[in-house]
């Protein structure tokens, strides 16, 4: 990693978050296979999108809740790893508020609420293209040893 990105200067936070998010996403086959796209990344923040396709529907003809969860979980992962410190999920909950339909463009916005030592709390709001809330997700993160980005390509 570039030495200037290791310094905890506020002006470097956005650059570091974008670099870490890009690095992680390039290796995240699950998020890529679901068609997720990163819209924005910052320190403790991530915004992703995912278009609901026909093969993502359940027996009721609406987007499978597990896929809405996957979008929220990915946004959570990028937000809590944005400072280049390896972080994993320790727990999470989700409340489904409205169904997502085929063709909907879902947006998951993850925002850090608390970071205390090695534990963080993140809220993720999932909305559709009209701004209607589809789900609310809360994740608890736990930092582990190591950095996210390595010198490897």
C-alpha atoms as a PDB file:
ATOM      1  CA  UNK A   1       0.000   0.000   0.000  1.00  0.00           C
ATOM      2  CA  UNK A   2       1.164   3.537  -0.673  1.00  0.00           C
ATOM      3  CA  UNK A   3       2.792   4.900   2.534  1.00  0.00           C
ATOM      4  CA  UNK A   4       0.781   8.136   2.514  1.00  0.00           C
ATOM      5  CA  UNK A   5      -2.456   6.129   2.759  1.00  0.00           C
ATOM      6  CA  UNK A   6      -1.369   4.632   6.088  1.00  0.00           C
ATOM      7  CA  UNK A   7      -1.356   8.040   7.780  1.00  0.00           C
ATOM      8  CA  UNK A   8      -4.647   8.813   9.573  1.00  0.00           C
ATOM      9  CA  UNK A   9      -5.179  12.184   7.881  1.00  0.00           C
ATOM     10  CA  UNK A  10      -8.803  13.089   7.089  1.00  0.00           C
ATOM     11  CA  UNK A  11      -7.886  14.065   3.526  1.00  0.00           C
ATOM     12  CA  UNK A  12      -6.679  10.509   2.914  1.00  0.00           C
ATOM     13  CA  UNK A  13      -9.796   8.772   4.293  1.00  0.00           C
ATOM     14  CA  UNK A  14     -11.803   9.056   1.090  1.00  0.00           C
ATOM     15  CA  UNK A  15      -8.888   7.915  -1.079  1.00  0.00           C
ATOM     16  CA  UNK A  16      -8.196   4.965   1.197  1.00  0.00           C
ATOM     17  CA  UNK A  17     -11.877   3.966   1.369  1.00  0.00           C
ATOM     18  CA  UNK A  18     -12.211   4.006  -2.418  1.00  0.00           C
ATOM     19  CA  UNK A  19      -9.015   1.981  -2.852  1.00  0.00           C
ATOM     20  CA  UNK A  20     -10.009  -0.623  -0.254  1.00  0.00           C
ATOM     21  CA  UNK A  21     -13.538  -0.914  -1.630  1.00  0.00           C
ATOM     22  CA  UNK A  22     -12.244  -1.366  -5.172  1.00  0.00           C
ATOM     23  CA  UNK A  23      -9.704  -3.944  -4.027  1.00  0.00           C
ATOM     24  CA  UNK A  24     -12.313  -5.924  -2.085  1.00  0.00           C
ATOM     25  CA  UNK A  25     -14.916  -5.705  -4.858  1.00  0.00           C
ATOM     26  CA  UNK A  26     -12.448  -7.007  -7.442  1.00  0.00           C
ATOM     27  CA  UNK A  27     -12.243 -10.218  -5.373  1.00  0.00           C
ATOM     28  CA  UNK A  28     -15.928 -10.398  -4.359  1.00  0.00           C
ATOM     29  CA  UNK A  29     -17.398 -12.882  -6.808  1.00  0.00           C
ATOM     30  CA  UNK A  30     -20.679 -13.136  -4.886  1.00  0.00           C
ATOM     31  CA  UNK A  31     -21.464  -9.407  -5.144  1.00  0.00           C
ATOM     32  CA  UNK A  32     -20.323  -9.294  -8.752  1.00  0.00           C
ATOM     33  CA  UNK A  33     -22.427 -12.312  -9.743  1.00  0.00           C
ATOM     34  CA  UNK A  34     -25.536 -10.606  -8.343  1.00  0.00           C
ATOM     35  CA  UNK A  35     -24.854  -7.550 -10.488  1.00  0.00           C
ATOM     36  CA  UNK A  36     -24.009  -5.226  -7.609  1.00  0.00           C
ATOM     37  CA  UNK A  37     -22.223  -1.987  -8.381  1.00  0.00           C
ATOM     38  CA  UNK A  38     -20.405   0.377  -6.056  1.00  0.00           C
ATOM     39  CA  UNK A  39     -21.731   3.919  -6.315  1.00  0.00           C
ATOM     40  CA  UNK A  40     -19.777   5.571  -3.513  1.00  0.00           C
ATOM     41  CA  UNK A  41     -17.364   4.718  -0.708  1.00  0.00           C
ATOM     42  CA  UNK A  42     -15.990   6.668   2.234  1.00  0.00           C
ATOM     43  CA  UNK A  43     -14.683   6.079   5.729  1.00  0.00           C
ATOM     44  CA  UNK A  44     -17.397   4.021   7.423  1.00  0.00           C
ATOM     45  CA  UNK A  45     -19.692   4.430   4.420  1.00  0.00           C
ATOM     46  CA  UNK A  46     -20.658   2.561   1.258  1.00  0.00           C
ATOM     47  CA  UNK A  47     -23.436   2.835  -1.312  1.00  0.00           C
ATOM     48  CA  UNK A  48     -24.210  -0.038  -3.693  1.00  0.00           C
ATOM     49  CA  UNK A  49     -26.873  -0.791  -6.287  1.00  0.00           C
ATOM     50  CA  UNK A  50     -28.379  -3.993  -7.643  1.00  0.00           C
ATOM     51  CA  UNK A  51     -31.027  -4.454 -10.337  1.00  0.00           C
ATOM     52  CA  UNK A  52     -33.658  -7.086  -9.516  1.00  0.00           C
ATOM     53  CA  UNK A  53     -33.777  -9.636 -12.336  1.00  0.00           C
ATOM     54  CA  UNK A  54     -36.370 -12.355 -12.979  1.00  0.00           C
ATOM     55  CA  UNK A  55     -34.165 -15.164 -11.676  1.00  0.00           C
ATOM     56  CA  UNK A  56     -33.974 -13.348  -8.305  1.00  0.00           C
ATOM     57  CA  UNK A  57     -37.663 -13.809  -7.540  1.00  0.00           C
ATOM     58  CA  UNK A  58     -39.218 -16.198  -5.055  1.00  0.00           C
ATOM     59  CA  UNK A  59     -42.508 -18.138  -5.206  1.00  0.00           C
ATOM     60  CA  UNK A  60     -44.473 -14.906  -4.675  1.00  0.00           C
ATOM     61  CA  UNK A  61     -42.909 -13.271  -7.734  1.00  0.00           C
ATOM     62  CA  UNK A  62     -40.990 -10.706  -5.659  1.00  0.00           C
ATOM     63  CA  UNK A  63     -37.271 -10.383  -4.987  1.00  0.00           C
ATOM     64  CA  UNK A  64     -36.073 -13.114  -2.639  1.00  0.00           C
ATOM     65  CA  UNK A  65     -35.363 -11.640   0.803  1.00  0.00           C
ATOM     66  CA  UNK A  66     -32.003 -13.364   0.907  1.00  0.00           C
ATOM     67  CA  UNK A  67     -30.878 -11.320  -2.078  1.00  0.00           C
ATOM     68  CA  UNK A  68     -32.017  -8.047  -0.497  1.00  0.00           C
ATOM     69  CA  UNK A  69     -30.064  -9.185   2.572  1.00  0.00           C
ATOM     70  CA  UNK A  70     -27.014  -9.935   0.384  1.00  0.00           C
ATOM     71  CA  UNK A  71     -27.045  -6.408  -1.027  1.00  0.00           C
ATOM     72  CA  UNK A  72     -27.285  -4.880   2.462  1.00  0.00           C
ATOM     73  CA  UNK A  73     -24.604  -7.233   3.789  1.00  0.00           C
ATOM     74  CA  UNK A  74     -22.212  -6.298   0.986  1.00  0.00           C
ATOM     75  CA  UNK A  75     -22.699  -2.577   1.649  1.00  0.00           C
ATOM     76  CA  UNK A  76     -22.066  -3.280   5.344  1.00  0.00           C
ATOM     77  CA  UNK A  77     -18.873  -5.196   4.512  1.00  0.00           C
ATOM     78  CA  UNK A  78     -17.459  -2.422   2.356  1.00  0.00           C
ATOM     79  CA  UNK A  79     -18.307   0.247   4.940  1.00  0.00           C
ATOM     80  CA  UNK A  80     -16.748  -1.566   7.889  1.00  0.00           C
ATOM     81  CA  UNK A  81     -13.569  -2.474   5.983  1.00  0.00           C
ATOM     82  CA  UNK A  82     -13.115   1.012   4.504  1.00  0.00           C
ATOM     83  CA  UNK A  83     -10.203   1.901   6.784  1.00  0.00           C
ATOM     84  CA  UNK A  84      -8.156  -1.063   5.494  1.00  0.00           C
ATOM     85  CA  UNK A  85      -8.430  -3.028   8.730  1.00  0.00           C
ATOM     86  CA  UNK A  86      -9.814  -6.538   8.266  1.00  0.00           C
ATOM     87  CA  UNK A  87     -13.302  -6.592   9.730  1.00  0.00           C
ATOM     88  CA  UNK A  88     -15.941  -9.307   9.750  1.00  0.00           C
ATOM     89  CA  UNK A  89     -19.601  -9.458  10.669  1.00  0.00           C
ATOM     90  CA  UNK A  90     -20.294 -10.444  14.275  1.00  0.00           C
ATOM     91  CA  UNK A  91     -24.071 -10.236  13.919  1.00  0.00           C
ATOM     92  CA  UNK A  92     -26.863  -8.548  12.028  1.00  0.00           C
ATOM     93  CA  UNK A  93     -30.596  -8.144  11.710  1.00  0.00           C
ATOM     94  CA  UNK A  94     -32.850  -7.110   8.857  1.00  0.00           C
ATOM     95  CA  UNK A  95     -36.419  -5.874   8.678  1.00  0.00           C
ATOM     96  CA  UNK A  96     -38.194  -6.156   5.342  1.00  0.00           C
ATOM     97  CA  UNK A  97     -40.495  -3.187   4.804  1.00  0.00           C
ATOM     98  CA  UNK A  98     -41.741  -3.543   1.230  1.00  0.00           C
ATOM     99  CA  UNK A  99     -41.298  -6.014  -1.623  1.00  0.00           C
ATOM    100  CA  UNK A 100     -38.851  -5.402  -4.431  1.00  0.00           C
ATOM    101  CA  UNK A 101     -40.086  -6.152  -7.942  1.00  0.00           C
ATOM    102  CA  UNK A 102     -38.373  -7.333 -11.102  1.00  0.00           C
ATOM    103  CA  UNK A 103     -36.758  -4.313 -12.732  1.00  0.00           C
ATOM    104  CA  UNK A 104     -36.313  -2.388  -9.459  1.00  0.00           C
ATOM    105  CA  UNK A 105     -32.930  -0.766  -8.967  1.00  0.00           C
ATOM    106  CA  UNK A 106     -32.162  -1.322  -5.300  1.00  0.00           C
ATOM    107  CA  UNK A 107     -29.812   1.019  -3.461  1.00  0.00           C
ATOM    108  CA  UNK A 108     -28.121  -0.010  -0.208  1.00  0.00           C
ATOM    109  CA  UNK A 109     -26.550   2.794   1.804  1.00  0.00           C
ATOM    110  CA  UNK A 110     -24.401   1.711   4.764  1.00  0.00           C
ATOM    111  CA  UNK A 111     -23.547   4.280   7.444  1.00  0.00           C
ATOM    112  CA  UNK A 112     -21.298   3.753  10.438  1.00  0.00           C
ATOM    113  CA  UNK A 113     -23.150   4.592  13.652  1.00  0.00           C
ATOM    114  CA  UNK A 114     -20.451   3.694  16.158  1.00  0.00           C
ATOM    115  CA  UNK A 115     -16.850   2.528  16.123  1.00  0.00           C
ATOM    116  CA  UNK A 116     -15.458   1.735  19.535  1.00  0.00           C
ATOM    117  CA  UNK A 117     -12.241  -0.236  19.697  1.00  0.00           C
ATOM    118  CA  UNK A 118     -12.633  -3.303  17.508  1.00  0.00           C
ATOM    119  CA  UNK A 119     -16.447  -3.222  17.373  1.00  0.00           C
ATOM    120  CA  UNK A 120     -18.634  -1.182  15.045  1.00  0.00           C
ATOM    121  CA  UNK A 121     -22.352  -0.714  14.448  1.00  0.00           C
ATOM    122  CA  UNK A 122     -23.605   0.029  10.921  1.00  0.00           C
ATOM    123  CA  UNK A 123     -27.081   0.797   9.618  1.00  0.00           C
ATOM    124  CA  UNK A 124     -27.955  -0.025   6.027  1.00  0.00           C
ATOM    125  CA  UNK A 125     -31.068   1.341   4.355  1.00  0.00           C
ATOM    126  CA  UNK A 126     -32.205  -0.415   1.182  1.00  0.00           C
ATOM    127  CA  UNK A 127     -34.463   1.616  -1.102  1.00  0.00           C
ATOM    128  CA  UNK A 128     -35.812   1.218  -4.621  1.00  0.00           C
ATOM    129  CA  UNK A 129     -35.346   3.642  -7.512  1.00  0.00           C
ATOM    130  CA  UNK A 130     -38.256   5.747  -6.210  1.00  0.00           C
ATOM    131  CA  UNK A 131     -36.728   6.125  -2.761  1.00  0.00           C
ATOM    132  CA  UNK A 132     -39.218   3.732  -1.152  1.00  0.00           C
ATOM    133  CA  UNK A 133     -37.623   1.878   1.756  1.00  0.00           C
ATOM    134  CA  UNK A 134     -37.456  -1.851   1.110  1.00  0.00           C
ATOM    135  CA  UNK A 135     -35.398  -2.969   4.134  1.00  0.00           C
ATOM    136  CA  UNK A 136     -33.501  -1.793   7.196  1.00  0.00           C
ATOM    137  CA  UNK A 137     -30.382  -3.741   8.187  1.00  0.00           C
ATOM    138  CA  UNK A 138     -28.191  -3.309  11.264  1.00  0.00           C
ATOM    139  CA  UNK A 139     -24.792  -4.975  11.404  1.00  0.00           C
ATOM    140  CA  UNK A 140     -22.274  -5.370  14.191  1.00  0.00           C
ATOM    141  CA  UNK A 141     -18.675  -5.703  13.060  1.00  0.00           C
ATOM    142  CA  UNK A 142     -15.557  -7.087  14.704  1.00  0.00           C
ATOM    143  CA  UNK A 143     -12.043  -6.159  13.624  1.00  0.00           C
ATOM    144  CA  UNK A 144      -9.575  -9.000  13.257  1.00  0.00           C
ATOM    145  CA  UNK A 145      -5.847  -8.980  12.636  1.00  0.00           C
ATOM    146  CA  UNK A 146      -4.433  -7.697   9.383  1.00  0.00           C
ATOM    147  CA  UNK A 147      -5.119  -5.277   6.591  1.00  0.00           C
ATOM    148  CA  UNK A 148      -7.599  -5.726   3.786  1.00  0.00           C
ATOM    149  CA  UNK A 149      -5.319  -4.653   0.962  1.00  0.00           C
ATOM    150  CA  UNK A 150      -2.037  -6.414   0.490  1.00  0.00           C
ATOM    151  CA  UNK A 151       0.818  -5.750  -1.868  1.00  0.00           C
ATOM    152  CA  UNK A 152      -0.458  -8.553  -4.115  1.00  0.00           C
ATOM    153  CA  UNK A 153      -2.214  -7.518  -7.338  1.00  0.00           C
END
